[in-house]
Amino acid sequence: MPYKLHEHTADIRLEATGESLAGLFSETMKAMNAVSCPGFSSEMVERRVEVSSPDILLLLVDFLNEIVFLGQVHHEAYEELQTVAVTETHFRGVVKGRKITGMEEEIKAVTLHEASVRQTEKGTWLANLVLDI
């Protein structure tokens, strides 16, 4: 499992790794599903996502908050990420998922509190984030 969930006071801390930036974005999105435990319906959905930010940390947080927003507005959860383009300041891609019937835990936001993103010596990417639930 390329991510770990840790208890945090009134929040959940997650750690995710990816072989690439695209992989890191995908794994953090999957980790959010592991936290929220959505009840999926059979109706498939697809949404385009494009986010720009001044650096990689803000880009990842902004991307994940966009996923939270889209999911809340459309009553959906996203299981697959198709990255079209990703740099340290811009993400463009498509999320695929399904309509949901509810979720066990609602994620309000991905915060900047104690957040970090870095590339390891091996070239993989590591993110530590706190989810406000």
C-alpha atoms as a PDB file:
ATOM      1  CA  MET A   1       0.000   0.000   0.000  1.00  0.00           C
ATOM      2  CA  PRO A   2       1.698   3.250  -1.091  1.00  0.00           C
ATOM      3  CA  TYR A   3      -0.068   5.398   1.529  1.00  0.00           C
ATOM      4  CA  LYS A   4      -0.576   5.341   5.293  1.00  0.00           C
ATOM      5  CA  LEU A   5      -3.329   6.926   7.394  1.00  0.00           C
ATOM      6  CA  HIS A   6      -2.534   8.301  10.849  1.00  0.00           C
ATOM      7  CA  GLU A   7      -4.943   9.550  13.516  1.00  0.00           C
ATOM      8  CA  HIS A   8      -4.687  13.269  14.257  1.00  0.00           C
ATOM      9  CA  THR A   9      -6.661  15.417  16.681  1.00  0.00           C
ATOM     10  CA  ALA A  10     -10.021  16.068  14.928  1.00  0.00           C
ATOM     11  CA  ASP A  11      -8.238  15.456  11.643  1.00  0.00           C
ATOM     12  CA  ILE A  12      -6.578  12.654   9.753  1.00  0.00           C
ATOM     13  CA  ARG A  13      -2.969  12.810   8.690  1.00  0.00           C
ATOM     14  CA  LEU A  14      -2.038  10.976   5.523  1.00  0.00           C
ATOM     15  CA  GLU A  15       1.269  10.075   3.987  1.00  0.00           C
ATOM     16  CA  ALA A  16       1.395   9.108   0.319  1.00  0.00           C
ATOM     17  CA  THR A  17       4.130   8.211  -2.103  1.00  0.00           C
ATOM     18  CA  GLY A  18       4.253   8.169  -5.878  1.00  0.00           C
ATOM     19  CA  GLU A  19       6.819   7.111  -8.436  1.00  0.00           C
ATOM     20  CA  SER A  20       6.046  10.376 -10.269  1.00  0.00           C
ATOM     21  CA  LEU A  21       4.113  13.588  -9.610  1.00  0.00           C
ATOM     22  CA  ALA A  22       1.130  12.072 -11.434  1.00  0.00           C
ATOM     23  CA  GLY A  23       1.416   8.987  -9.244  1.00  0.00           C
ATOM     24  CA  LEU A  24       1.516  11.131  -6.098  1.00  0.00           C
ATOM     25  CA  PHE A  25      -1.648  12.968  -7.126  1.00  0.00           C
ATOM     26  CA  SER A  26      -3.380   9.662  -7.831  1.00  0.00           C
ATOM     27  CA  GLU A  27      -2.347   8.052  -4.533  1.00  0.00           C
ATOM     28  CA  THR A  28      -3.449  11.030  -2.435  1.00  0.00           C
ATOM     29  CA  MET A  29      -6.837  10.951  -4.166  1.00  0.00           C
ATOM     30  CA  LYS A  30      -7.140   7.208  -3.415  1.00  0.00           C
ATOM     31  CA  ALA A  31      -6.185   7.856   0.212  1.00  0.00           C
ATOM     32  CA  MET A  32      -9.032  10.355   0.532  1.00  0.00           C
ATOM     33  CA  ASN A  33     -11.447   7.636  -0.636  1.00  0.00           C
ATOM     34  CA  ALA A  34     -10.002   5.308   2.000  1.00  0.00           C
ATOM     35  CA  VAL A  35     -10.855   7.947   4.607  1.00  0.00           C
ATOM     36  CA  SER A  36     -14.335   8.853   3.374  1.00  0.00           C
ATOM     37  CA  CYS A  37     -15.460   5.289   2.461  1.00  0.00           C
ATOM     38  CA  PRO A  38     -18.052   6.383  -0.118  1.00  0.00           C
ATOM     39  CA  GLY A  39     -21.041   4.225  -0.955  1.00  0.00           C
ATOM     40  CA  PHE A  40     -20.805   3.933  -4.725  1.00  0.00           C
ATOM     41  CA  SER A  41     -23.748   3.672  -7.096  1.00  0.00           C
ATOM     42  CA  SER A  42     -23.366   2.195 -10.579  1.00  0.00           C
ATOM     43  CA  GLU A  43     -23.570   5.550 -12.405  1.00  0.00           C
ATOM     44  CA  MET A  44     -20.156   6.391 -13.858  1.00  0.00           C
ATOM     45  CA  VAL A  45     -18.894   9.993 -14.022  1.00  0.00           C
ATOM     46  CA  GLU A  46     -15.959  11.864 -15.485  1.00  0.00           C
ATOM     47  CA  ARG A  47     -14.748  15.412 -14.707  1.00  0.00           C
ATOM     48  CA  ARG A  48     -11.966  17.540 -16.145  1.00  0.00           C
ATOM     49  CA  VAL A  49      -9.699  19.128 -13.552  1.00  0.00           C
ATOM     50  CA  GLU A  50      -7.215  21.926 -14.104  1.00  0.00           C
ATOM     51  CA  VAL A  51      -5.352  23.703 -11.306  1.00  0.00           C
ATOM     52  CA  SER A  52      -2.423  26.149 -11.214  1.00  0.00           C
ATOM     53  CA  SER A  53      -0.522  27.199  -8.079  1.00  0.00           C
ATOM     54  CA  PRO A  54       2.811  28.837  -7.252  1.00  0.00           C
ATOM     55  CA  ASP A  55       4.515  25.612  -6.050  1.00  0.00           C
ATOM     56  CA  ILE A  56       4.074  21.857  -5.807  1.00  0.00           C
ATOM     57  CA  LEU A  57       2.714  21.844  -2.230  1.00  0.00           C
ATOM     58  CA  LEU A  58      -0.009  24.383  -3.005  1.00  0.00           C
ATOM     59  CA  LEU A  59      -0.733  22.625  -6.295  1.00  0.00           C
ATOM     60  CA  LEU A  60      -1.354  19.285  -4.578  1.00  0.00           C
ATOM     61  CA  VAL A  61      -3.501  20.855  -1.838  1.00  0.00           C
ATOM     62  CA  ASP A  62      -5.472  22.896  -4.390  1.00  0.00           C
ATOM     63  CA  PHE A  63      -5.974  19.807  -6.583  1.00  0.00           C
ATOM     64  CA  LEU A  64      -7.263  17.733  -3.667  1.00  0.00           C
ATOM     65  CA  ASN A  65      -9.557  20.534  -2.486  1.00  0.00           C
ATOM     66  CA  GLU A  66     -10.928  20.749  -6.034  1.00  0.00           C
ATOM     67  CA  ILE A  67     -11.651  16.995  -5.838  1.00  0.00           C
ATOM     68  CA  VAL A  68     -13.411  17.515  -2.480  1.00  0.00           C
ATOM     69  CA  PHE A  69     -15.442  20.401  -3.947  1.00  0.00           C
ATOM     70  CA  LEU A  70     -16.453  18.510  -7.095  1.00  0.00           C
ATOM     71  CA  GLY A  71     -17.410  15.455  -5.076  1.00  0.00           C
ATOM     72  CA  GLN A  72     -19.566  17.462  -2.674  1.00  0.00           C
ATOM     73  CA  VAL A  73     -21.293  19.498  -5.379  1.00  0.00           C
ATOM     74  CA  HIS A  74     -22.031  16.542  -7.659  1.00  0.00           C
ATOM     75  CA  HIS A  75     -22.373  13.767  -5.006  1.00  0.00           C
ATOM     76  CA  GLU A  76     -19.517  11.804  -6.549  1.00  0.00           C
ATOM     77  CA  ALA A  77     -16.267  10.097  -5.578  1.00  0.00           C
ATOM     78  CA  TYR A  78     -13.344   9.614  -7.942  1.00  0.00           C
ATOM     79  CA  GLU A  79     -11.412   6.377  -8.232  1.00  0.00           C
ATOM     80  CA  GLU A  80      -9.159   6.949 -11.222  1.00  0.00           C
ATOM     81  CA  LEU A  81      -6.964   9.830 -12.294  1.00  0.00           C
ATOM     82  CA  GLN A  82      -5.837  10.291 -15.872  1.00  0.00           C
ATOM     83  CA  THR A  83      -3.121  12.924 -15.911  1.00  0.00           C
ATOM     84  CA  VAL A  84      -2.815  14.877 -19.114  1.00  0.00           C
ATOM     85  CA  ALA A  85      -0.060  17.232 -17.925  1.00  0.00           C
ATOM     86  CA  VAL A  86       1.584  17.890 -14.563  1.00  0.00           C
ATOM     87  CA  THR A  87       4.444  20.158 -13.531  1.00  0.00           C
ATOM     88  CA  GLU A  88       5.312  21.585 -10.131  1.00  0.00           C
ATOM     89  CA  THR A  89       2.904  24.501 -10.758  1.00  0.00           C
ATOM     90  CA  HIS A  90       0.163  23.153 -13.057  1.00  0.00           C
ATOM     91  CA  PHE A  91      -2.082  20.087 -13.201  1.00  0.00           C
ATOM     92  CA  ARG A  92      -4.473  19.128 -15.991  1.00  0.00           C
ATOM     93  CA  GLY A  93      -6.296  15.826 -16.130  1.00  0.00           C
ATOM     94  CA  VAL A  94      -9.507  13.849 -15.851  1.00  0.00           C
ATOM     95  CA  VAL A  95     -10.957  12.139 -12.796  1.00  0.00           C
ATOM     96  CA  LYS A  96     -13.247   9.164 -13.231  1.00  0.00           C
ATOM     97  CA  GLY A  97     -15.541   7.769 -10.607  1.00  0.00           C
ATOM     98  CA  ARG A  98     -19.143   7.162  -9.699  1.00  0.00           C
ATOM     99  CA  LYS A  99     -22.115   8.850  -8.105  1.00  0.00           C
ATOM    100  CA  ILE A 100     -22.303   8.103  -4.385  1.00  0.00           C
ATOM    101  CA  THR A 101     -25.121   7.234  -2.027  1.00  0.00           C
ATOM    102  CA  GLY A 102     -23.270   8.633   0.994  1.00  0.00           C
ATOM    103  CA  MET A 103     -19.981   8.335   2.859  1.00  0.00           C
ATOM    104  CA  GLU A 104     -18.843   7.242   6.289  1.00  0.00           C
ATOM    105  CA  GLU A 105     -16.588  10.268   6.875  1.00  0.00           C
ATOM    106  CA  GLU A 106     -16.880  13.640   5.170  1.00  0.00           C
ATOM    107  CA  ILE A 107     -13.654  15.426   4.283  1.00  0.00           C
ATOM    108  CA  LYS A 108     -14.190  19.165   4.631  1.00  0.00           C
ATOM    109  CA  ALA A 109     -10.803  20.227   3.289  1.00  0.00           C
ATOM    110  CA  VAL A 110      -7.166  19.382   2.793  1.00  0.00           C
ATOM    111  CA  THR A 111      -5.211  21.812   4.962  1.00  0.00           C
ATOM    112  CA  LEU A 112      -1.768  23.381   4.774  1.00  0.00           C
ATOM    113  CA  HIS A 113      -1.215  22.638   8.467  1.00  0.00           C
ATOM    114  CA  GLU A 114       1.989  20.560   8.691  1.00  0.00           C
ATOM    115  CA  ALA A 115       1.721  19.804   4.959  1.00  0.00           C
ATOM    116  CA  SER A 116       4.793  18.888   2.943  1.00  0.00           C
ATOM    117  CA  VAL A 117       5.713  17.525  -0.468  1.00  0.00           C
ATOM    118  CA  ARG A 118       9.229  16.497  -1.455  1.00  0.00           C
ATOM    119  CA  GLN A 119      11.117  14.395  -3.884  1.00  0.00           C
ATOM    120  CA  THR A 120      13.191  11.672  -2.236  1.00  0.00           C
ATOM    121  CA  GLU A 121      16.792  10.779  -3.043  1.00  0.00           C
ATOM    122  CA  LYS A 122      15.443   7.833  -5.072  1.00  0.00           C
ATOM    123  CA  GLY A 123      13.390  10.222  -7.230  1.00  0.00           C
ATOM    124  CA  THR A 124       9.984   9.240  -5.840  1.00  0.00           C
ATOM    125  CA  TRP A 125       7.599  11.803  -4.357  1.00  0.00           C
ATOM    126  CA  LEU A 126       6.384  11.912  -0.744  1.00  0.00           C
ATOM    127  CA  ALA A 127       3.475  13.959   0.631  1.00  0.00           C
ATOM    128  CA  ASN A 128       2.299  14.476   4.205  1.00  0.00           C
ATOM    129  CA  LEU A 129      -1.116  16.104   4.482  1.00  0.00           C
ATOM    130  CA  VAL A 130      -3.795  16.723   7.103  1.00  0.00           C
ATOM    131  CA  LEU A 131      -7.459  16.255   6.191  1.00  0.00           C
ATOM    132  CA  ASP A 132     -10.039  18.311   8.071  1.00  0.00           C
ATOM    133  CA  ILE A 133     -12.958  15.984   8.795  1.00  0.00           C
END
